[in-house]
């Protein structure tokens, strides 16, 4: 069997490692040079850690990242502090992606980088894929038996999802006065997000922001950030002495249900198969689990079961993550969660923290 993986992020790299370890000829096409930064919450959920642990990849990441054992949820007037059911991991995408892609190479995968897939013809018994090397500007045609689409685009799913009205934004800071063993979320601000520690004494700030809000500040994310600090006393305290490292990154925030159908020899994984609200590291966690499911199905010849497995993986998580993000962004609901200490409110808050 010969498999081409489009994208060397978490899902693509893990899939390539597992296939190569099983004796499959694997080629990964990644258009960016590593290490590279990317819009991401940079938190790995317990689900993702479980997947990596099964394949011997958790330990090197834990050695680099920051373990998160609690969640601090600040509304505009109150807060809730809770231990997480299982520890999460704070780690930059630059470090995370580099470790996983190196693991794929070590397992025997061929990596074409920087390179870009320019055309896919899946209408024949063998898929034909044109790949352009971005160094030499030459194009060669590969003929894999299967393609794993792990580039974050839902280009091969039916129906094609509509674009959302939100942007994901992120930046790194130092000297943040939040809890270094926790993920800290800020509510009631009209958008959803927070801060978590990553490696190298840095902190990652990530938010889901409506396009209309970005347009209102004419794309000036520094002005948007100042407006956020004005709204939240907790944020002002935490960032009073903080220093920003580099600029703000922004990209469209995908959100779509699990893929229902796709071409016979093209298998979407990660955000190419489903994109949920980025709450509590579940984006990376579900991406890794989808890669594991897809590789297992491919090796077992049971790809017909994969759509159902995707629905089981994503539907419930997607519903709660979307509901959680919407509630915590809303001022009134955010206050209700912050002030009411009932078991129901605690469970709702825990979902916001990525249970």
C-alpha atoms as a PDB file:
ATOM      1  CA  UNK A   1       0.000   0.000   0.000  1.00  0.00           C
ATOM      2  CA  UNK A   2       1.161   3.531  -0.825  1.00  0.00           C
ATOM      3  CA  UNK A   3      -0.333   6.501   1.080  1.00  0.00           C
ATOM      4  CA  UNK A   4       0.088  10.244   0.595  1.00  0.00           C
ATOM      5  CA  UNK A   5      -0.582  12.522   3.584  1.00  0.00           C
ATOM      6  CA  UNK A   6      -1.389  16.165   2.848  1.00  0.00           C
ATOM      7  CA  UNK A   7      -0.282  18.243   5.839  1.00  0.00           C
ATOM      8  CA  UNK A   8       2.377  17.649   8.471  1.00  0.00           C
ATOM      9  CA  UNK A   9       0.442  18.947  11.479  1.00  0.00           C
ATOM     10  CA  UNK A  10      -0.639  16.783  14.429  1.00  0.00           C
ATOM     11  CA  UNK A  11      -3.152  14.586  12.565  1.00  0.00           C
ATOM     12  CA  UNK A  12      -1.021  14.174   9.451  1.00  0.00           C
ATOM     13  CA  UNK A  13       2.207  13.439  11.285  1.00  0.00           C
ATOM     14  CA  UNK A  14       0.629  10.932  13.658  1.00  0.00           C
ATOM     15  CA  UNK A  15      -1.092   9.136  10.773  1.00  0.00           C
ATOM     16  CA  UNK A  16       2.179   9.009   8.839  1.00  0.00           C
ATOM     17  CA  UNK A  17       4.044   7.588  11.839  1.00  0.00           C
ATOM     18  CA  UNK A  18       1.450   4.877  12.471  1.00  0.00           C
ATOM     19  CA  UNK A  19       1.295   3.859   8.798  1.00  0.00           C
ATOM     20  CA  UNK A  20       5.065   3.823   8.362  1.00  0.00           C
ATOM     21  CA  UNK A  21       5.460   1.769  11.530  1.00  0.00           C
ATOM     22  CA  UNK A  22       2.991  -0.743  10.037  1.00  0.00           C
ATOM     23  CA  UNK A  23       5.170  -1.108   6.926  1.00  0.00           C
ATOM     24  CA  UNK A  24       3.148   1.159   4.620  1.00  0.00           C
ATOM     25  CA  UNK A  25       4.989   3.417   2.156  1.00  0.00           C
ATOM     26  CA  UNK A  26       4.059   6.947   3.287  1.00  0.00           C
ATOM     27  CA  UNK A  27       4.826  10.377   1.847  1.00  0.00           C
ATOM     28  CA  UNK A  28       3.952  13.579   3.736  1.00  0.00           C
ATOM     29  CA  UNK A  29       3.533  16.823   1.790  1.00  0.00           C
ATOM     30  CA  UNK A  30       3.866  19.939   3.971  1.00  0.00           C
ATOM     31  CA  UNK A  31       3.978  23.406   2.432  1.00  0.00           C
ATOM     32  CA  UNK A  32       5.515  25.253   5.411  1.00  0.00           C
ATOM     33  CA  UNK A  33       9.012  25.082   6.797  1.00  0.00           C
ATOM     34  CA  UNK A  34       9.172  23.998  10.447  1.00  0.00           C
ATOM     35  CA  UNK A  35       9.226  25.296  13.086  1.00  0.00           C
ATOM     36  CA  UNK A  36       6.343  27.601  12.258  1.00  0.00           C
ATOM     37  CA  UNK A  37       3.795  29.414  14.350  1.00  0.00           C
ATOM     38  CA  UNK A  38       0.072  28.929  13.824  1.00  0.00           C
ATOM     39  CA  UNK A  39      -3.204  30.202  15.253  1.00  0.00           C
ATOM     40  CA  UNK A  40      -4.087  27.691  17.957  1.00  0.00           C
ATOM     41  CA  UNK A  41      -5.088  27.518  21.602  1.00  0.00           C
ATOM     42  CA  UNK A  42      -1.885  25.491  22.148  1.00  0.00           C
ATOM     43  CA  UNK A  43      -3.528  23.271  24.768  1.00  0.00           C
ATOM     44  CA  UNK A  44      -3.717  19.516  24.362  1.00  0.00           C
ATOM     45  CA  UNK A  45      -6.711  17.823  25.961  1.00  0.00           C
ATOM     46  CA  UNK A  46      -6.634  14.613  27.969  1.00  0.00           C
ATOM     47  CA  UNK A  47      -8.024  12.798  24.913  1.00  0.00           C
ATOM     48  CA  UNK A  48      -5.033  13.876  22.848  1.00  0.00           C
ATOM     49  CA  UNK A  49      -2.609  12.907  25.588  1.00  0.00           C
ATOM     50  CA  UNK A  50      -4.187   9.457  25.762  1.00  0.00           C
ATOM     51  CA  UNK A  51      -3.681   8.985  22.011  1.00  0.00           C
ATOM     52  CA  UNK A  52      -0.046  10.080  22.153  1.00  0.00           C
ATOM     53  CA  UNK A  53       0.620   7.877  25.190  1.00  0.00           C
ATOM     54  CA  UNK A  54      -0.584   4.800  23.301  1.00  0.00           C
ATOM     55  CA  UNK A  55       2.046   5.431  20.631  1.00  0.00           C
ATOM     56  CA  UNK A  56       5.005   6.445  22.788  1.00  0.00           C
ATOM     57  CA  UNK A  57       4.807  10.156  21.940  1.00  0.00           C
ATOM     58  CA  UNK A  58       3.543  11.727  25.153  1.00  0.00           C
ATOM     59  CA  UNK A  59       6.761  11.680  27.190  1.00  0.00           C
ATOM     60  CA  UNK A  60       8.898  13.886  24.882  1.00  0.00           C
ATOM     61  CA  UNK A  61       6.107  16.462  24.729  1.00  0.00           C
ATOM     62  CA  UNK A  62       5.540  16.483  28.493  1.00  0.00           C
ATOM     63  CA  UNK A  63       9.270  17.074  28.917  1.00  0.00           C
ATOM     64  CA  UNK A  64       8.939  20.275  26.867  1.00  0.00           C
ATOM     65  CA  UNK A  65       5.436  21.566  27.678  1.00  0.00           C
ATOM     66  CA  UNK A  66       3.616  22.748  30.804  1.00  0.00           C
ATOM     67  CA  UNK A  67       1.184  20.464  32.611  1.00  0.00           C
ATOM     68  CA  UNK A  68      -2.174  22.100  33.376  1.00  0.00           C
ATOM     69  CA  UNK A  69      -4.114  20.689  36.317  1.00  0.00           C
ATOM     70  CA  UNK A  70      -6.786  23.330  36.927  1.00  0.00           C
ATOM     71  CA  UNK A  71      -9.143  25.701  35.163  1.00  0.00           C
ATOM     72  CA  UNK A  72      -9.743  29.302  36.223  1.00  0.00           C
ATOM     73  CA  UNK A  73     -12.915  30.803  34.729  1.00  0.00           C
ATOM     74  CA  UNK A  74     -13.253  34.555  35.214  1.00  0.00           C
ATOM     75  CA  UNK A  75     -16.448  36.375  34.416  1.00  0.00           C
ATOM     76  CA  UNK A  76     -16.461  40.163  34.603  1.00  0.00           C
ATOM     77  CA  UNK A  77     -17.396  40.122  38.305  1.00  0.00           C
ATOM     78  CA  UNK A  78     -16.540  36.704  39.729  1.00  0.00           C
ATOM     79  CA  UNK A  79     -14.619  33.513  39.100  1.00  0.00           C
ATOM     80  CA  UNK A  80     -14.676  29.722  39.434  1.00  0.00           C
ATOM     81  CA  UNK A  81     -11.549  27.641  40.109  1.00  0.00           C
ATOM     82  CA  UNK A  82     -11.689  23.889  39.534  1.00  0.00           C
ATOM     83  CA  UNK A  83      -9.263  20.986  39.224  1.00  0.00           C
ATOM     84  CA  UNK A  84      -9.341  19.324  35.821  1.00  0.00           C
ATOM     85  CA  UNK A  85     -10.475  15.665  35.732  1.00  0.00           C
ATOM     86  CA  UNK A  86      -7.244  14.831  33.869  1.00  0.00           C
ATOM     87  CA  UNK A  87      -4.239  17.091  33.232  1.00  0.00           C
ATOM     88  CA  UNK A  88      -3.964  18.953  29.947  1.00  0.00           C
ATOM     89  CA  UNK A  89      -0.703  20.077  28.345  1.00  0.00           C
ATOM     90  CA  UNK A  90       0.322  23.577  27.296  1.00  0.00           C
ATOM     91  CA  UNK A  91       2.710  23.477  24.338  1.00  0.00           C
ATOM     92  CA  UNK A  92       3.335  25.714  21.323  1.00  0.00           C
ATOM     93  CA  UNK A  93       2.386  24.433  17.889  1.00  0.00           C
ATOM     94  CA  UNK A  94       5.929  25.142  16.733  1.00  0.00           C
ATOM     95  CA  UNK A  95       7.305  22.634  19.241  1.00  0.00           C
ATOM     96  CA  UNK A  96       4.377  20.192  19.027  1.00  0.00           C
ATOM     97  CA  UNK A  97       4.373  19.902  15.233  1.00  0.00           C
ATOM     98  CA  UNK A  98       8.163  19.593  15.029  1.00  0.00           C
ATOM     99  CA  UNK A  99       8.214  16.657  17.483  1.00  0.00           C
ATOM    100  CA  UNK A 100       5.443  14.757  15.701  1.00  0.00           C
ATOM    101  CA  UNK A 101       6.830  15.308  12.195  1.00  0.00           C
ATOM    102  CA  UNK A 102      10.255  14.138  13.373  1.00  0.00           C
ATOM    103  CA  UNK A 103       8.589  11.013  14.788  1.00  0.00           C
ATOM    104  CA  UNK A 104       6.999  10.329  11.389  1.00  0.00           C
ATOM    105  CA  UNK A 105      10.402  10.654   9.698  1.00  0.00           C
ATOM    106  CA  UNK A 106      12.019   8.371  12.269  1.00  0.00           C
ATOM    107  CA  UNK A 107       9.342   5.753  11.574  1.00  0.00           C
ATOM    108  CA  UNK A 108      10.241   5.775   7.870  1.00  0.00           C
ATOM    109  CA  UNK A 109       7.880   8.307   6.296  1.00  0.00           C
ATOM    110  CA  UNK A 110       9.178  10.396   3.386  1.00  0.00           C
ATOM    111  CA  UNK A 111       8.606  14.120   3.959  1.00  0.00           C
ATOM    112  CA  UNK A 112       8.400  16.618   1.076  1.00  0.00           C
ATOM    113  CA  UNK A 113       8.820  20.067   2.646  1.00  0.00           C
ATOM    114  CA  UNK A 114       8.230  22.793   1.629  1.00  0.00           C
ATOM    115  CA  UNK A 115       5.943  21.394  -1.050  1.00  0.00           C
ATOM    116  CA  UNK A 116       2.354  21.962  -2.115  1.00  0.00           C
ATOM    117  CA  UNK A 117      -0.339  19.719  -3.591  1.00  0.00           C
ATOM    118  CA  UNK A 118      -1.690  21.489  -6.680  1.00  0.00           C
ATOM    119  CA  UNK A 119      -4.035  18.936  -8.254  1.00  0.00           C
ATOM    120  CA  UNK A 120      -5.728  15.703  -7.255  1.00  0.00           C
ATOM    121  CA  UNK A 121      -7.453  13.369  -9.714  1.00  0.00           C
ATOM    122  CA  UNK A 122      -9.312  10.688  -7.770  1.00  0.00           C
ATOM    123  CA  UNK A 123     -11.517   9.483 -10.628  1.00  0.00           C
ATOM    124  CA  UNK A 124      -9.325   6.517 -11.533  1.00  0.00           C
ATOM    125  CA  UNK A 125      -8.327   3.291  -9.787  1.00  0.00           C
ATOM    126  CA  UNK A 126      -5.159   5.051  -8.627  1.00  0.00           C
ATOM    127  CA  UNK A 127      -5.172   8.633  -7.418  1.00  0.00           C
ATOM    128  CA  UNK A 128      -2.965  11.085  -9.348  1.00  0.00           C
ATOM    129  CA  UNK A 129      -1.520  13.944  -7.299  1.00  0.00           C
ATOM    130  CA  UNK A 130       0.595  16.816  -8.645  1.00  0.00           C
ATOM    131  CA  UNK A 131       3.067  18.077  -6.038  1.00  0.00           C
ATOM    132  CA  UNK A 132       5.136  21.243  -6.495  1.00  0.00           C
ATOM    133  CA  UNK A 133       8.463  21.580  -4.698  1.00  0.00           C
ATOM    134  CA  UNK A 134       8.549  25.154  -3.419  1.00  0.00           C
ATOM    135  CA  UNK A 135      12.358  25.258  -3.521  1.00  0.00           C
ATOM    136  CA  UNK A 136      13.010  24.064  -7.077  1.00  0.00           C
ATOM    137  CA  UNK A 137       9.547  25.029  -8.412  1.00  0.00           C
ATOM    138  CA  UNK A 138       9.325  21.646 -10.123  1.00  0.00           C
ATOM    139  CA  UNK A 139       6.183  19.506 -10.264  1.00  0.00           C
ATOM    140  CA  UNK A 140       5.992  15.733 -10.057  1.00  0.00           C
ATOM    141  CA  UNK A 141       2.995  13.432 -10.151  1.00  0.00           C
ATOM    142  CA  UNK A 142       2.534  10.846  -7.411  1.00  0.00           C
ATOM    143  CA  UNK A 143       0.174   7.873  -7.649  1.00  0.00           C
ATOM    144  CA  UNK A 144      -0.790   6.786  -4.125  1.00  0.00           C
ATOM    145  CA  UNK A 145      -3.422   4.185  -3.391  1.00  0.00           C
ATOM    146  CA  UNK A 146      -4.941   6.490  -0.756  1.00  0.00           C
ATOM    147  CA  UNK A 147      -4.688  10.139   0.256  1.00  0.00           C
ATOM    148  CA  UNK A 148      -5.125  11.314   3.856  1.00  0.00           C
ATOM    149  CA  UNK A 149      -6.217  14.966   3.759  1.00  0.00           C
ATOM    150  CA  UNK A 150      -4.824  16.598   6.915  1.00  0.00           C
ATOM    151  CA  UNK A 151      -4.360  20.197   5.767  1.00  0.00           C
ATOM    152  CA  UNK A 152      -7.311  21.597   7.727  1.00  0.00           C
ATOM    153  CA  UNK A 153      -9.444  22.277   4.653  1.00  0.00           C
ATOM    154  CA  UNK A 154     -12.732  20.480   4.061  1.00  0.00           C
ATOM    155  CA  UNK A 155     -12.048  20.336   0.333  1.00  0.00           C
ATOM    156  CA  UNK A 156     -13.162  16.720  -0.147  1.00  0.00           C
ATOM    157  CA  UNK A 157     -16.207  16.483   2.107  1.00  0.00           C
ATOM    158  CA  UNK A 158     -19.843  16.613   1.017  1.00  0.00           C
ATOM    159  CA  UNK A 159     -21.588  18.961   1.479  1.00  0.00           C
ATOM    160  CA  UNK A 160     -18.886  21.638   1.568  1.00  0.00           C
ATOM    161  CA  UNK A 161     -19.197  23.638   4.820  1.00  0.00           C
ATOM    162  CA  UNK A 162     -19.971  27.343   4.708  1.00  0.00           C
ATOM    163  CA  UNK A 163     -17.458  29.829   6.096  1.00  0.00           C
ATOM    164  CA  UNK A 164     -18.022  31.067   9.649  1.00  0.00           C
ATOM    165  CA  UNK A 165     -18.091  34.685  10.718  1.00  0.00           C
ATOM    166  CA  UNK A 166     -15.313  34.240  13.270  1.00  0.00           C
ATOM    167  CA  UNK A 167     -11.554  34.600  13.337  1.00  0.00           C
ATOM    168  CA  UNK A 168      -9.096  32.788  15.546  1.00  0.00           C
ATOM    169  CA  UNK A 169      -6.469  35.166  16.961  1.00  0.00           C
ATOM    170  CA  UNK A 170      -3.417  34.482  19.094  1.00  0.00           C
ATOM    171  CA  UNK A 171      -0.218  36.007  20.456  1.00  0.00           C
ATOM    172  CA  UNK A 172       2.550  35.032  22.860  1.00  0.00           C
ATOM    173  CA  UNK A 173       3.417  36.928  26.047  1.00  0.00           C
ATOM    174  CA  UNK A 174       5.855  36.699  28.949  1.00  0.00           C
ATOM    175  CA  UNK A 175       5.458  37.814  32.589  1.00  0.00           C
ATOM    176  CA  UNK A 176       1.761  36.959  32.786  1.00  0.00           C
ATOM    177  CA  UNK A 177       0.522  36.851  36.391  1.00  0.00           C
ATOM    178  CA  UNK A 178      -2.014  34.043  35.910  1.00  0.00           C
ATOM    179  CA  UNK A 179      -1.756  30.579  37.479  1.00  0.00           C
ATOM    180  CA  UNK A 180       1.120  28.756  35.696  1.00  0.00           C
ATOM    181  CA  UNK A 181      -0.483  25.362  36.326  1.00  0.00           C
ATOM    182  CA  UNK A 182      -3.895  26.269  34.893  1.00  0.00           C
ATOM    183  CA  UNK A 183      -5.775  27.246  31.794  1.00  0.00           C
ATOM    184  CA  UNK A 184      -7.403  30.638  32.430  1.00  0.00           C
ATOM    185  CA  UNK A 185     -10.577  31.620  30.564  1.00  0.00           C
ATOM    186  CA  UNK A 186     -12.233  35.039  30.456  1.00  0.00           C
ATOM    187  CA  UNK A 187     -15.986  35.348  29.976  1.00  0.00           C
ATOM    188  CA  UNK A 188     -18.624  37.952  29.284  1.00  0.00           C
ATOM    189  CA  UNK A 189     -16.491  39.832  26.745  1.00  0.00           C
ATOM    190  CA  UNK A 190     -18.469  39.159  23.572  1.00  0.00           C
ATOM    191  CA  UNK A 191     -15.956  36.543  22.425  1.00  0.00           C
ATOM    192  CA  UNK A 192     -14.428  33.396  23.862  1.00  0.00           C
ATOM    193  CA  UNK A 193     -10.830  32.712  24.855  1.00  0.00           C
ATOM    194  CA  UNK A 194      -8.108  32.803  27.450  1.00  0.00           C
ATOM    195  CA  UNK A 195      -4.469  32.217  28.271  1.00  0.00           C
ATOM    196  CA  UNK A 196      -2.331  29.190  29.095  1.00  0.00           C
ATOM    197  CA  UNK A 197       1.390  28.702  29.792  1.00  0.00           C
ATOM    198  CA  UNK A 198       3.553  27.023  27.172  1.00  0.00           C
ATOM    199  CA  UNK A 199       7.242  26.185  27.068  1.00  0.00           C
ATOM    200  CA  UNK A 200      10.035  28.679  27.578  1.00  0.00           C
ATOM    201  CA  UNK A 201       8.243  30.811  30.215  1.00  0.00           C
ATOM    202  CA  UNK A 202       5.839  31.994  27.529  1.00  0.00           C
ATOM    203  CA  UNK A 203       2.065  32.230  27.586  1.00  0.00           C
ATOM    204  CA  UNK A 204      -0.324  31.785  24.694  1.00  0.00           C
ATOM    205  CA  UNK A 205      -3.361  34.067  24.381  1.00  0.00           C
ATOM    206  CA  UNK A 206      -6.012  32.741  22.003  1.00  0.00           C
ATOM    207  CA  UNK A 207      -9.545  33.974  21.277  1.00  0.00           C
ATOM    208  CA  UNK A 208     -12.420  33.317  18.906  1.00  0.00           C
ATOM    209  CA  UNK A 209     -13.415  36.792  17.679  1.00  0.00           C
ATOM    210  CA  UNK A 210     -16.347  37.734  15.408  1.00  0.00           C
ATOM    211  CA  UNK A 211     -15.249  39.293  12.117  1.00  0.00           C
ATOM    212  CA  UNK A 212     -17.482  42.258  12.860  1.00  0.00           C
ATOM    213  CA  UNK A 213     -15.395  43.020  15.960  1.00  0.00           C
ATOM    214  CA  UNK A 214     -12.152  42.841  13.971  1.00  0.00           C
ATOM    215  CA  UNK A 215     -13.692  45.101  11.332  1.00  0.00           C
ATOM    216  CA  UNK A 216     -14.746  47.604  13.996  1.00  0.00           C
ATOM    217  CA  UNK A 217     -11.083  48.169  14.935  1.00  0.00           C
ATOM    218  CA  UNK A 218     -10.012  48.109  11.253  1.00  0.00           C
ATOM    219  CA  UNK A 219      -7.912  45.018  11.843  1.00  0.00           C
ATOM    220  CA  UNK A 220      -5.861  46.706  14.568  1.00  0.00           C
ATOM    221  CA  UNK A 221      -5.525  43.781  16.967  1.00  0.00           C
ATOM    222  CA  UNK A 222      -3.535  45.843  19.463  1.00  0.00           C
ATOM    223  CA  UNK A 223      -6.551  48.146  19.756  1.00  0.00           C
ATOM    224  CA  UNK A 224      -8.846  45.131  20.145  1.00  0.00           C
ATOM    225  CA  UNK A 225      -6.611  43.762  22.917  1.00  0.00           C
ATOM    226  CA  UNK A 226      -6.678  47.072  24.778  1.00  0.00           C
ATOM    227  CA  UNK A 227     -10.485  47.036  24.597  1.00  0.00           C
ATOM    228  CA  UNK A 228     -10.496  43.528  26.090  1.00  0.00           C
ATOM    229  CA  UNK A 229      -8.279  44.617  28.975  1.00  0.00           C
ATOM    230  CA  UNK A 230     -10.629  47.521  29.667  1.00  0.00           C
ATOM    231  CA  UNK A 231     -13.587  45.129  29.978  1.00  0.00           C
ATOM    232  CA  UNK A 232     -11.983  42.598  32.325  1.00  0.00           C
ATOM    233  CA  UNK A 233     -10.398  43.445  35.664  1.00  0.00           C
ATOM    234  CA  UNK A 234      -8.912  39.931  35.879  1.00  0.00           C
ATOM    235  CA  UNK A 235      -7.201  40.347  32.523  1.00  0.00           C
ATOM    236  CA  UNK A 236      -5.821  43.744  33.514  1.00  0.00           C
ATOM    237  CA  UNK A 237      -4.298  42.227  36.648  1.00  0.00           C
ATOM    238  CA  UNK A 238      -2.853  39.244  34.846  1.00  0.00           C
ATOM    239  CA  UNK A 239      -1.296  41.332  32.054  1.00  0.00           C
ATOM    240  CA  UNK A 240      -0.242  44.417  34.019  1.00  0.00           C
ATOM    241  CA  UNK A 241       3.471  43.593  33.645  1.00  0.00           C
ATOM    242  CA  UNK A 242       3.221  41.303  30.614  1.00  0.00           C
ATOM    243  CA  UNK A 243       5.309  41.767  27.492  1.00  0.00           C
ATOM    244  CA  UNK A 244       4.115  40.652  24.064  1.00  0.00           C
ATOM    245  CA  UNK A 245       6.453  38.516  21.924  1.00  0.00           C
ATOM    246  CA  UNK A 246       5.877  39.129  18.235  1.00  0.00           C
ATOM    247  CA  UNK A 247       2.631  40.242  16.649  1.00  0.00           C
ATOM    248  CA  UNK A 248      -0.906  38.942  16.575  1.00  0.00           C
ATOM    249  CA  UNK A 249      -1.773  36.076  14.241  1.00  0.00           C
ATOM    250  CA  UNK A 250      -5.289  35.702  12.825  1.00  0.00           C
ATOM    251  CA  UNK A 251      -6.972  33.202  10.534  1.00  0.00           C
ATOM    252  CA  UNK A 252     -10.538  32.172   9.626  1.00  0.00           C
ATOM    253  CA  UNK A 253     -12.001  29.879  12.267  1.00  0.00           C
ATOM    254  CA  UNK A 254     -13.548  26.779  10.653  1.00  0.00           C
ATOM    255  CA  UNK A 255     -16.553  25.110  12.205  1.00  0.00           C
ATOM    256  CA  UNK A 256     -18.349  22.204  10.532  1.00  0.00           C
ATOM    257  CA  UNK A 257     -19.932  18.863  11.364  1.00  0.00           C
ATOM    258  CA  UNK A 258     -18.175  15.516  10.880  1.00  0.00           C
ATOM    259  CA  UNK A 259     -17.719  14.563   7.244  1.00  0.00           C
ATOM    260  CA  UNK A 260     -20.521  12.372   5.938  1.00  0.00           C
ATOM    261  CA  UNK A 261     -19.025  11.302   2.606  1.00  0.00           C
ATOM    262  CA  UNK A 262     -15.793  11.747   0.712  1.00  0.00           C
ATOM    263  CA  UNK A 263     -14.152  10.301  -2.419  1.00  0.00           C
ATOM    264  CA  UNK A 264     -13.402   6.610  -2.139  1.00  0.00           C
ATOM    265  CA  UNK A 265      -9.609   6.920  -1.924  1.00  0.00           C
ATOM    266  CA  UNK A 266      -9.359  10.270  -0.139  1.00  0.00           C
ATOM    267  CA  UNK A 267      -9.785  10.183   3.643  1.00  0.00           C
ATOM    268  CA  UNK A 268     -10.105  13.434   5.631  1.00  0.00           C
ATOM    269  CA  UNK A 269      -8.623  13.571   9.128  1.00  0.00           C
ATOM    270  CA  UNK A 270      -8.336  16.317  11.730  1.00  0.00           C
ATOM    271  CA  UNK A 271     -10.007  19.619  10.870  1.00  0.00           C
ATOM    272  CA  UNK A 272     -10.421  18.422   7.269  1.00  0.00           C
ATOM    273  CA  UNK A 273     -12.990  15.951   8.608  1.00  0.00           C
ATOM    274  CA  UNK A 274     -14.573  18.094  11.344  1.00  0.00           C
ATOM    275  CA  UNK A 275     -13.906  21.437  12.997  1.00  0.00           C
ATOM    276  CA  UNK A 276     -15.414  22.180  16.404  1.00  0.00           C
ATOM    277  CA  UNK A 277     -15.284  25.179  18.717  1.00  0.00           C
ATOM    278  CA  UNK A 278     -11.676  25.405  20.005  1.00  0.00           C
ATOM    279  CA  UNK A 279     -12.455  24.823  23.674  1.00  0.00           C
ATOM    280  CA  UNK A 280     -10.006  23.263  26.122  1.00  0.00           C
ATOM    281  CA  UNK A 281      -7.618  21.639  23.656  1.00  0.00           C
ATOM    282  CA  UNK A 282     -10.297  19.447  22.097  1.00  0.00           C
ATOM    283  CA  UNK A 283      -9.332  20.577  18.589  1.00  0.00           C
ATOM    284  CA  UNK A 284      -5.912  18.949  18.767  1.00  0.00           C
ATOM    285  CA  UNK A 285      -7.204  16.061  20.858  1.00  0.00           C
ATOM    286  CA  UNK A 286      -9.911  15.065  18.380  1.00  0.00           C
ATOM    287  CA  UNK A 287      -7.537  15.607  15.436  1.00  0.00           C
ATOM    288  CA  UNK A 288      -5.110  13.071  16.890  1.00  0.00           C
ATOM    289  CA  UNK A 289      -7.878  10.598  17.671  1.00  0.00           C
ATOM    290  CA  UNK A 290      -9.303  10.909  14.136  1.00  0.00           C
ATOM    291  CA  UNK A 291      -5.873  10.072  12.689  1.00  0.00           C
ATOM    292  CA  UNK A 292      -5.699   7.003  14.904  1.00  0.00           C
ATOM    293  CA  UNK A 293      -9.195   5.909  13.835  1.00  0.00           C
ATOM    294  CA  UNK A 294      -8.492   6.472  10.137  1.00  0.00           C
ATOM    295  CA  UNK A 295      -5.220   4.513  10.173  1.00  0.00           C
ATOM    296  CA  UNK A 296      -6.833   1.635  12.065  1.00  0.00           C
ATOM    297  CA  UNK A 297      -9.711   1.500   9.566  1.00  0.00           C
ATOM    298  CA  UNK A 298      -7.378   1.718   6.573  1.00  0.00           C
ATOM    299  CA  UNK A 299      -5.124  -1.082   7.778  1.00  0.00           C
ATOM    300  CA  UNK A 300      -8.113  -3.269   8.705  1.00  0.00           C
ATOM    301  CA  UNK A 301      -9.954  -2.655   5.436  1.00  0.00           C
ATOM    302  CA  UNK A 302     -12.945  -1.220   7.328  1.00  0.00           C
ATOM    303  CA  UNK A 303     -13.163   2.335   5.958  1.00  0.00           C
ATOM    304  CA  UNK A 304     -16.943   1.963   5.669  1.00  0.00           C
ATOM    305  CA  UNK A 305     -17.105   2.228   9.483  1.00  0.00           C
ATOM    306  CA  UNK A 306     -15.160   5.489   9.646  1.00  0.00           C
ATOM    307  CA  UNK A 307     -18.024   8.007   9.122  1.00  0.00           C
ATOM    308  CA  UNK A 308     -19.906   6.513  12.071  1.00  0.00           C
ATOM    309  CA  UNK A 309     -16.753   6.568  14.208  1.00  0.00           C
ATOM    310  CA  UNK A 310     -16.226  10.234  13.300  1.00  0.00           C
ATOM    311  CA  UNK A 311     -19.761  11.093  14.356  1.00  0.00           C
ATOM    312  CA  UNK A 312     -19.231   9.312  17.669  1.00  0.00           C
ATOM    313  CA  UNK A 313     -15.956  11.192  18.198  1.00  0.00           C
ATOM    314  CA  UNK A 314     -17.150  14.682  17.305  1.00  0.00           C
ATOM    315  CA  UNK A 315     -20.897  15.159  17.607  1.00  0.00           C
ATOM    316  CA  UNK A 316     -21.235  15.333  21.398  1.00  0.00           C
ATOM    317  CA  UNK A 317     -17.974  17.221  21.836  1.00  0.00           C
ATOM    318  CA  UNK A 318     -18.899  19.672  19.090  1.00  0.00           C
ATOM    319  CA  UNK A 319     -22.268  20.416  20.666  1.00  0.00           C
ATOM    320  CA  UNK A 320     -20.879  21.050  24.140  1.00  0.00           C
ATOM    321  CA  UNK A 321     -17.879  23.035  22.914  1.00  0.00           C
ATOM    322  CA  UNK A 322     -20.070  25.293  20.775  1.00  0.00           C
ATOM    323  CA  UNK A 323     -22.576  25.753  23.597  1.00  0.00           C
ATOM    324  CA  UNK A 324     -19.806  26.354  26.113  1.00  0.00           C
ATOM    325  CA  UNK A 325     -18.056  28.969  23.996  1.00  0.00           C
ATOM    326  CA  UNK A 326     -21.304  30.817  23.283  1.00  0.00           C
ATOM    327  CA  UNK A 327     -22.385  30.824  26.929  1.00  0.00           C
ATOM    328  CA  UNK A 328     -19.063  32.005  28.277  1.00  0.00           C
ATOM    329  CA  UNK A 329     -18.825  34.813  25.708  1.00  0.00           C
ATOM    330  CA  UNK A 330     -22.241  36.127  26.786  1.00  0.00           C
ATOM    331  CA  UNK A 331     -22.106  38.504  29.763  1.00  0.00           C
ATOM    332  CA  UNK A 332     -25.299  37.379  31.540  1.00  0.00           C
ATOM    333  CA  UNK A 333     -24.698  33.644  31.181  1.00  0.00           C
ATOM    334  CA  UNK A 334     -21.065  34.104  32.100  1.00  0.00           C
ATOM    335  CA  UNK A 335     -22.103  35.808  35.345  1.00  0.00           C
ATOM    336  CA  UNK A 336     -24.523  32.975  36.099  1.00  0.00           C
ATOM    337  CA  UNK A 337     -21.751  30.390  35.805  1.00  0.00           C
ATOM    338  CA  UNK A 338     -19.390  32.554  37.827  1.00  0.00           C
ATOM    339  CA  UNK A 339     -21.771  33.232  40.696  1.00  0.00           C
ATOM    340  CA  UNK A 340     -23.809  30.022  40.996  1.00  0.00           C
ATOM    341  CA  UNK A 341     -21.819  27.160  42.533  1.00  0.00           C
ATOM    342  CA  UNK A 342     -24.413  24.447  41.858  1.00  0.00           C
ATOM    343  CA  UNK A 343     -23.288  21.064  40.480  1.00  0.00           C
ATOM    344  CA  UNK A 344     -24.974  21.899  37.163  1.00  0.00           C
ATOM    345  CA  UNK A 345     -23.048  25.145  36.837  1.00  0.00           C
ATOM    346  CA  UNK A 346     -19.837  23.406  37.830  1.00  0.00           C
ATOM    347  CA  UNK A 347     -20.354  20.792  35.088  1.00  0.00           C
ATOM    348  CA  UNK A 348     -21.074  23.512  32.531  1.00  0.00           C
ATOM    349  CA  UNK A 349     -17.946  25.364  33.541  1.00  0.00           C
ATOM    350  CA  UNK A 350     -15.915  22.168  33.347  1.00  0.00           C
ATOM    351  CA  UNK A 351     -17.004  21.687  29.734  1.00  0.00           C
ATOM    352  CA  UNK A 352     -15.752  25.195  29.022  1.00  0.00           C
ATOM    353  CA  UNK A 353     -12.389  24.129  30.395  1.00  0.00           C
ATOM    354  CA  UNK A 354     -12.249  21.106  28.110  1.00  0.00           C
ATOM    355  CA  UNK A 355     -13.375  18.156  30.190  1.00  0.00           C
END
